[in-house]
Amino acid sequence: MTQLFTESQGEVYYSSLSILVLILLLLQTSRLLIHRKKRAYFTLTVVIGIMLLEQIIVLITGFMQAGAGTMSEYFRILFYSAFFIGANMGIYQMYEETSKRFKRLSITFLVAAVLLPIIPVAGSLYLLALTAMSVIMVYPLTAGNKKFLAGIVFYTLSSVAHLGNQFFGPLAGLNALDNLMRIGWYVTLFIILFDRVIEILEDIYHNSTHDALTGLHNPYYINTTMAFKISKKAPISIVFIDLDNFKRLNDTFGHEEGDKALKSVASILIEEAEEVGIAGRYGGEEIVLIVEEPEVNMSELTERIRARIENETVVTASIGYVVAGEEGATDKLISEADAAMYKAKNSGKNKVVAYNELVENQNETAV
């Protein structure tokens, strides 16, 4: 049984597990490199490829029943320390531009990784010393990423076990701990990169559905959502908001002030829409709110929005709203809410007009 942990069978077993995880890592970083073309993914792809090659060599020597001589121990520490340095460099580059100071330090660490393993025990001590570099230079950039910290713990335990083996001889328990913790470090790195892929996908989705300036949904998302709700005959209401005298604000105080005002209004709409629906920037200073809760008192909601815009920002707003019927269409709802908003704007601004009131007034005028 101990052969599985200490002799050539152990090398085959652990290197096979390592190769499996490293192949998954290499596929992951390669895909990221192809689609994102960032230096971080190039660095990670290179160091993972090198480490994969090292593990393939270990696997072959294990099958050949090769002994673990001094030279193989040297290369083992060299590859492992270089991989740890390279992986940390890649993670660093995911969060920060590579400064000249960081490049110089990385080269220094790599030179030390080449020279120190020549001295017995010094290489193993160096593996431990690298954890301090990782904690000081890289961990703060990850905003306290617990997975990254777990990876450092795995790496540290692996290094401690390796150092113990050098002092006390090849012990099955220490050898197992060394290899399993090293594989744990690879797995943790895989999870970190997988999380990064999820973050990228979320960013892509967010950017494709939201307005960059205000954080509100964009017109495509608003129109698509309205079309879907109406196709399902959902009892929605549409609020159309247009900021009063917005062009004058831009011309008088500059577009920066106009952008600030838009952001302030957007934050109000996001708060008001949180429990009842979604808000989107429809174009320029126009904002649309889709109210999905049929129990909402639309008169109270729209008046509260109007009052908050007047009291909490430097602008006012003209607001129109309409309640959808079962056979409503997206364009019709928008045009009806827009017509109510224009009535509010043309009759004094800074007020709310309901579409049904507009229709009743028009009918009375016709009579």
Protein backbone atom coordinates (compact mmCIF):
# COMPACT_ATOMS: atom_id res chain seq x y z
CA MET A 1 0.00 0.00 0.00
CA THR A 2 2.81 2.43 0.85
CA GLN A 3 4.17 1.99 -2.69
CA LEU A 4 1.21 4.02 -3.89
CA PHE A 5 2.56 6.99 -1.92
CA THR A 6 6.35 6.67 -1.95
CA GLU A 7 7.66 4.76 -4.95
CA SER A 8 7.27 4.91 -8.72
CA GLN A 9 3.63 3.83 -8.50
CA GLY A 10 3.00 6.93 -6.42
CA GLU A 11 4.68 9.10 -9.05
CA VAL A 12 2.38 7.64 -11.71
CA TYR A 13 -0.72 8.08 -9.55
CA TYR A 14 -0.11 11.68 -8.53
CA SER A 15 1.30 12.84 -11.85
CA SER A 16 -1.77 11.39 -13.61
CA LEU A 17 -4.07 13.42 -11.35
CA SER A 18 -1.92 16.52 -11.85
CA ILE A 19 -1.92 16.09 -15.64
CA LEU A 20 -5.72 15.85 -15.69
CA VAL A 21 -6.14 19.11 -13.74
CA LEU A 22 -3.37 20.88 -15.68
CA ILE A 23 -4.93 19.93 -19.03
CA LEU A 24 -8.24 21.47 -17.87
CA LEU A 25 -6.34 24.55 -16.72
CA LEU A 26 -4.51 24.81 -20.05
CA LEU A 27 -7.77 24.55 -22.02
CA GLN A 28 -9.29 27.23 -19.82
CA THR A 29 -6.42 29.73 -20.12
CA SER A 30 -6.04 29.06 -23.87
CA ARG A 31 -9.69 29.89 -24.47
CA LEU A 32 -9.41 33.01 -22.37
CA LEU A 33 -6.28 34.03 -24.29
CA ILE A 34 -7.96 33.50 -27.67
CA HIS A 35 -11.04 35.54 -26.77
CA ARG A 36 -9.59 38.17 -24.40
CA LYS A 37 -5.95 38.47 -25.58
CA LYS A 38 -4.73 39.68 -22.19
CA ARG A 39 -1.14 39.32 -20.99
CA ALA A 40 -2.36 37.55 -17.84
CA TYR A 41 -3.81 34.64 -19.83
CA PHE A 42 -0.69 34.39 -21.98
CA THR A 43 1.46 34.15 -18.83
CA LEU A 44 -0.81 31.52 -17.30
CA THR A 45 -0.98 29.50 -20.52
CA VAL A 46 2.83 29.41 -20.78
CA VAL A 47 3.51 28.41 -17.15
CA ILE A 48 0.71 25.83 -17.11
CA GLY A 49 2.06 24.35 -20.36
CA ILE A 50 5.54 24.09 -18.85
CA MET A 51 4.20 22.49 -15.68
CA LEU A 52 2.15 20.05 -17.75
CA LEU A 53 5.30 19.05 -19.62
CA GLU A 54 7.11 18.48 -16.31
CA GLN A 55 4.33 16.24 -15.03
CA ILE A 56 4.34 14.23 -18.26
CA ILE A 57 8.08 13.64 -17.74
CA VAL A 58 7.37 12.57 -14.14
CA LEU A 59 4.71 10.17 -15.41
CA ILE A 60 7.10 8.64 -17.95
CA THR A 61 9.89 8.22 -15.38
CA GLY A 62 7.37 6.65 -13.01
CA PHE A 63 6.43 4.09 -15.63
CA MET A 64 10.13 3.43 -16.26
CA GLN A 65 10.66 2.76 -12.53
CA ALA A 66 13.25 5.57 -12.40
CA GLY A 67 14.60 6.52 -9.00
CA ALA A 68 14.25 9.98 -7.50
CA GLY A 69 17.86 11.14 -7.72
CA THR A 70 19.39 14.49 -6.85
CA MET A 71 18.88 15.92 -10.34
CA SER A 72 15.18 14.97 -10.45
CA GLU A 73 14.69 16.58 -7.02
CA TYR A 74 16.36 19.74 -8.29
CA PHE A 75 14.09 19.95 -11.31
CA ARG A 76 11.01 19.16 -9.23
CA ILE A 77 11.62 22.14 -6.96
CA LEU A 78 12.64 24.32 -9.93
CA PHE A 79 9.45 23.57 -11.87
CA TYR A 80 7.15 23.86 -8.86
CA SER A 81 8.59 27.18 -7.65
CA ALA A 82 8.68 28.60 -11.19
CA PHE A 83 5.06 27.53 -11.71
CA PHE A 84 3.98 29.20 -8.47
CA ILE A 85 5.82 32.41 -9.43
CA GLY A 86 4.33 32.37 -12.94
CA ALA A 87 0.80 31.62 -11.70
CA ASN A 88 1.00 34.49 -9.23
CA MET A 89 2.33 36.75 -11.98
CA GLY A 90 -0.64 35.83 -14.18
CA ILE A 91 -3.15 36.47 -11.39
CA TYR A 92 -1.41 39.78 -10.63
CA GLN A 93 -1.77 40.78 -14.30
CA MET A 94 -5.50 40.01 -14.15
CA TYR A 95 -5.91 42.92 -11.71
CA GLU A 96 -2.97 45.28 -12.38
CA GLU A 97 -0.75 46.47 -15.21
CA THR A 98 2.67 44.85 -14.93
CA SER A 99 5.01 47.53 -13.56
CA LYS A 100 8.76 47.57 -14.10
CA ARG A 101 9.27 46.90 -10.40
CA PHE A 102 7.06 43.82 -10.54
CA LYS A 103 8.91 42.54 -13.62
CA ARG A 104 12.26 42.97 -11.89
CA LEU A 105 11.02 41.19 -8.79
CA SER A 106 9.60 38.32 -10.85
CA ILE A 107 12.90 37.87 -12.68
CA THR A 108 14.72 37.92 -9.33
CA PHE A 109 12.39 35.25 -7.94
CA LEU A 110 12.87 33.09 -11.06
CA VAL A 111 16.69 33.38 -10.87
CA ALA A 112 16.51 32.35 -7.22
CA ALA A 113 14.33 29.39 -8.24
CA VAL A 114 17.12 28.26 -10.58
CA LEU A 115 20.02 28.73 -8.13
CA LEU A 116 18.71 27.86 -4.66
CA PRO A 117 17.61 24.24 -5.30
CA ILE A 118 21.31 23.43 -5.96
CA ILE A 119 21.84 23.74 -2.20
CA PRO A 120 20.20 20.90 -0.21
CA VAL A 121 17.11 22.02 1.74
CA ALA A 122 17.49 25.62 0.45
CA GLY A 123 15.12 24.90 -2.43
CA SER A 124 12.40 23.61 -0.10
CA LEU A 125 12.84 26.62 2.16
CA TYR A 126 12.50 28.84 -0.90
CA LEU A 127 9.17 27.20 -1.75
CA LEU A 128 7.93 28.32 1.65
CA ALA A 129 9.37 31.81 1.24
CA LEU A 130 7.38 32.29 -1.95
CA THR A 131 4.14 32.22 0.05
CA ALA A 132 5.13 35.52 1.66
CA MET A 133 5.59 37.03 -1.80
CA SER A 134 2.13 35.84 -2.81
CA VAL A 135 0.43 37.12 0.36
CA ILE A 136 2.14 40.54 0.23
CA MET A 137 2.04 41.29 -3.52
CA VAL A 138 -0.90 39.42 -5.04
CA TYR A 139 -3.49 38.55 -2.39
CA PRO A 140 -4.45 42.22 -1.65
CA LEU A 141 -5.29 42.71 -5.35
CA THR A 142 -7.84 39.90 -5.26
CA ALA A 143 -10.02 41.83 -2.78
CA GLY A 144 -9.68 39.11 -0.18
CA ASN A 145 -10.49 36.20 -2.52
CA LYS A 146 -10.91 33.24 -0.17
CA LYS A 147 -10.19 30.74 -2.96
CA PHE A 148 -6.84 32.38 -3.65
CA LEU A 149 -6.03 32.27 0.07
CA ALA A 150 -6.99 28.59 0.14
CA GLY A 151 -4.59 28.01 -2.76
CA ILE A 152 -1.76 29.62 -0.79
CA VAL A 153 -2.58 27.36 2.16
CA PHE A 154 -2.45 24.27 -0.10
CA TYR A 155 0.87 25.39 -1.54
CA THR A 156 2.29 26.08 1.94
CA LEU A 157 1.25 22.66 3.27
CA SER A 158 2.78 21.01 0.21
CA SER A 159 6.05 22.87 0.79
CA VAL A 160 6.09 22.01 4.50
CA ALA A 161 5.53 18.33 3.70
CA HIS A 162 8.30 18.41 1.09
CA LEU A 163 10.70 20.00 3.58
CA GLY A 164 9.75 17.38 6.18
CA ASN A 165 10.53 14.61 3.73
CA GLN A 166 14.01 16.05 3.19
CA PHE A 167 14.70 16.07 6.93
CA PHE A 168 13.07 12.79 7.95
CA GLY A 169 13.37 10.71 4.82
CA PRO A 170 10.65 9.62 2.35
CA LEU A 171 7.62 9.03 4.56
CA ALA A 172 4.36 7.81 3.03
CA GLY A 173 2.22 10.32 4.93
CA LEU A 174 4.38 13.34 4.09
CA ASN A 175 4.70 12.31 0.47
CA ALA A 176 0.92 11.93 0.19
CA LEU A 177 0.39 15.33 1.84
CA ASP A 178 2.94 16.96 -0.47
CA ASN A 179 1.34 15.62 -3.63
CA LEU A 180 -2.28 16.02 -2.60
CA MET A 181 -1.77 19.61 -1.46
CA ARG A 182 0.03 20.39 -4.73
CA ILE A 183 -2.93 19.00 -6.66
CA GLY A 184 -5.21 21.01 -4.35
CA TRP A 185 -3.31 24.14 -5.42
CA TYR A 186 -3.88 23.27 -9.09
CA VAL A 187 -7.59 22.69 -8.46
CA THR A 188 -7.89 26.00 -6.61
CA LEU A 189 -6.25 27.81 -9.51
CA PHE A 190 -8.74 26.14 -11.86
CA ILE A 191 -11.65 27.34 -9.70
CA ILE A 192 -10.24 30.89 -9.60
CA LEU A 193 -10.01 30.97 -13.39
CA PHE A 194 -13.47 29.40 -13.74
CA ASP A 195 -14.85 32.18 -11.53
CA ARG A 196 -13.07 34.63 -13.81
CA VAL A 197 -14.87 33.15 -16.83
CA ILE A 198 -18.20 33.58 -15.03
CA GLU A 199 -17.31 37.21 -14.21
CA ILE A 200 -16.50 37.88 -17.87
CA LEU A 201 -19.79 36.34 -19.02
CA GLU A 202 -21.69 38.39 -16.44
CA ASP A 203 -19.91 41.55 -17.60
CA ILE A 204 -20.74 40.78 -21.22
CA TYR A 205 -24.39 40.19 -20.34
CA HIS A 206 -24.56 43.33 -18.18
CA ASN A 207 -22.95 45.49 -20.88
CA SER A 208 -25.31 44.12 -23.51
CA THR A 209 -28.43 44.90 -21.46
CA HIS A 210 -27.48 48.08 -19.54
CA ASP A 211 -26.69 51.69 -20.34
CA ALA A 212 -23.04 52.44 -19.54
CA LEU A 213 -23.64 55.94 -18.13
CA THR A 214 -26.66 55.45 -15.88
CA GLY A 215 -26.68 51.72 -15.11
CA LEU A 216 -30.29 51.54 -16.31
CA HIS A 217 -31.37 48.90 -18.82
CA ASN A 218 -30.90 49.83 -22.48
CA PRO A 219 -33.68 50.28 -25.09
CA TYR A 220 -33.22 46.80 -26.58
CA TYR A 221 -33.73 45.14 -23.19
CA ILE A 222 -36.75 47.35 -22.41
CA ASN A 223 -38.43 46.64 -25.75
CA THR A 224 -37.69 42.92 -25.54
CA THR A 225 -39.05 42.72 -22.00
CA MET A 226 -42.22 44.62 -22.93
CA ALA A 227 -42.80 42.39 -25.95
CA PHE A 228 -42.40 39.27 -23.82
CA LYS A 229 -44.69 40.53 -21.04
CA ILE A 230 -47.35 41.56 -23.52
CA SER A 231 -47.13 38.22 -25.37
CA LYS A 232 -47.87 36.56 -22.03
CA LYS A 233 -50.72 39.05 -21.43
CA ALA A 234 -49.04 40.23 -18.24
CA PRO A 235 -50.81 43.18 -16.52
CA ILE A 236 -48.00 45.75 -16.92
CA SER A 237 -47.98 49.52 -16.88
CA ILE A 238 -45.54 51.78 -18.73
CA VAL A 239 -44.15 55.04 -17.35
CA PHE A 240 -42.45 57.44 -19.76
CA ILE A 241 -40.23 60.12 -18.19
CA ASP A 242 -38.57 63.03 -19.92
CA LEU A 243 -36.33 65.49 -18.08
CA ASP A 244 -37.40 69.11 -18.46
CA ASN A 245 -35.06 71.68 -20.04
CA PHE A 246 -32.26 69.14 -20.27
CA LYS A 247 -30.70 70.69 -23.37
CA ARG A 248 -30.54 74.05 -21.60
CA LEU A 249 -28.76 72.37 -18.67
CA ASN A 250 -26.16 70.87 -21.02
CA ASP A 251 -25.69 74.14 -22.93
CA THR A 252 -25.41 76.26 -19.78
CA PHE A 253 -23.38 74.09 -17.43
CA GLY A 254 -21.82 71.52 -19.77
CA HIS A 255 -22.43 67.86 -20.50
CA GLU A 256 -20.68 66.79 -17.32
CA GLU A 257 -23.42 68.40 -15.23
CA GLY A 258 -26.02 66.88 -17.51
CA ASP A 259 -24.51 63.44 -16.99
CA LYS A 260 -24.55 63.96 -13.22
CA ALA A 261 -28.23 64.88 -13.36
CA LEU A 262 -29.01 61.79 -15.45
CA LYS A 263 -27.17 59.57 -12.98
CA SER A 264 -29.06 61.12 -10.05
CA VAL A 265 -32.41 60.55 -11.74
CA ALA A 266 -31.36 57.01 -12.71
CA SER A 267 -30.55 56.14 -9.09
CA ILE A 268 -34.05 57.29 -8.08
CA LEU A 269 -35.65 55.16 -10.80
CA ILE A 270 -33.58 52.12 -9.86
CA GLU A 271 -34.75 52.46 -6.25
CA GLU A 272 -38.39 52.96 -7.21
CA ALA A 273 -38.34 50.07 -9.69
CA GLU A 274 -36.65 47.63 -7.33
CA GLU A 275 -39.86 46.15 -5.94
CA VAL A 276 -42.26 46.76 -8.82
CA GLY A 277 -40.47 46.34 -12.15
CA ILE A 278 -37.49 47.53 -14.22
CA ALA A 279 -36.25 50.90 -15.44
CA GLY A 280 -34.37 51.69 -18.64
CA ARG A 281 -32.85 54.63 -20.47
CA TYR A 282 -34.82 54.88 -23.69
CA GLY A 283 -32.72 57.56 -25.33
CA GLY A 284 -31.06 60.83 -24.36
CA GLU A 285 -32.91 62.12 -21.31
CA GLU A 286 -35.87 59.76 -21.75
CA ILE A 287 -36.42 56.98 -19.21
CA VAL A 288 -38.99 54.17 -19.29
CA LEU A 289 -40.27 52.25 -16.29
CA ILE A 290 -42.05 48.91 -16.74
CA VAL A 291 -44.29 48.25 -13.73
CA GLU A 292 -45.02 44.54 -13.40
CA GLU A 293 -47.01 44.57 -10.16
CA PRO A 294 -50.74 45.08 -10.89
CA GLU A 295 -51.46 46.13 -7.29
CA VAL A 296 -49.29 49.25 -7.58
CA ASN A 297 -51.17 52.55 -7.40
CA MET A 298 -49.77 54.18 -10.55
CA SER A 299 -50.90 57.67 -9.61
CA GLU A 300 -49.05 57.51 -6.28
CA LEU A 301 -45.94 55.90 -7.79
CA THR A 302 -45.53 58.39 -10.62
CA GLU A 303 -46.21 61.38 -8.36
CA ARG A 304 -43.62 60.10 -5.88
CA ILE A 305 -41.07 59.75 -8.68
CA ARG A 306 -41.83 63.26 -9.94
CA ALA A 307 -41.49 64.75 -6.44
CA ARG A 308 -38.23 62.90 -5.73
CA ILE A 309 -36.69 64.10 -9.00
CA GLU A 310 -37.71 67.68 -8.20
CA ASN A 311 -36.46 67.57 -4.61
CA GLU A 312 -33.36 65.40 -4.95
CA THR A 313 -31.85 66.55 -8.25
CA VAL A 314 -31.22 69.76 -10.16
CA VAL A 315 -33.88 68.94 -12.78
CA THR A 316 -37.61 68.28 -13.00
CA ALA A 317 -39.46 65.71 -15.10
CA SER A 318 -42.60 65.43 -17.18
CA ILE A 319 -44.18 62.00 -16.75
CA GLY A 320 -46.83 60.04 -18.62
CA TYR A 321 -48.06 56.54 -17.96
CA VAL A 322 -50.40 53.95 -19.42
CA VAL A 323 -51.80 50.63 -18.20
CA ALA A 324 -51.58 47.83 -20.78
CA GLY A 325 -54.66 46.02 -21.97
CA GLU A 326 -54.60 42.34 -22.80
CA GLU A 327 -54.13 42.96 -26.51
CA GLY A 328 -51.61 45.79 -26.14
CA ALA A 329 -48.53 46.03 -28.38
CA THR A 330 -45.10 47.30 -27.44
CA ASP A 331 -45.04 50.22 -29.86
CA LYS A 332 -48.58 51.20 -28.92
CA LEU A 333 -47.84 51.24 -25.19
CA ILE A 334 -44.72 53.32 -25.65
CA SER A 335 -46.47 55.77 -27.96
CA GLU A 336 -49.40 56.09 -25.53
CA ALA A 337 -47.16 56.70 -22.52
CA ASP A 338 -45.10 59.09 -24.70
CA ALA A 339 -48.26 61.00 -25.68
CA ALA A 340 -49.23 61.36 -22.03
CA MET A 341 -45.73 62.59 -21.22
CA TYR A 342 -45.88 65.22 -24.00
CA LYS A 343 -49.20 66.42 -22.64
CA ALA A 344 -47.50 66.90 -19.26
CA LYS A 345 -44.61 68.75 -20.90
CA ASN A 346 -46.79 70.97 -23.08
CA SER A 347 -49.11 71.88 -20.21
CA GLY A 348 -46.49 73.30 -17.87
CA LYS A 349 -43.88 70.55 -17.29
CA ASN A 350 -42.96 68.95 -13.95
CA LYS A 351 -46.24 67.04 -13.77
CA VAL A 352 -47.81 63.62 -14.30
CA VAL A 353 -50.47 62.78 -16.89
CA ALA A 354 -52.21 59.41 -17.22
CA TYR A 355 -53.04 58.27 -20.75
CA ASN A 356 -56.65 57.45 -19.86
CA GLU A 357 -57.10 61.03 -18.62
CA LEU A 358 -55.67 62.29 -21.90
CA VAL A 359 -58.15 60.16 -23.88
CA GLU A 360 -61.09 61.30 -21.72
CA ASN A 361 -60.15 64.96 -22.23
CA GLN A 362 -59.85 64.42 -25.98
CA ASN A 363 -63.29 62.75 -26.06
CA GLU A 364 -64.84 65.58 -24.09
CA THR A 365 -63.29 68.11 -26.49
CA ALA A 366 -64.62 66.16 -29.48
CA VAL A 367 -68.13 66.14 -27.99
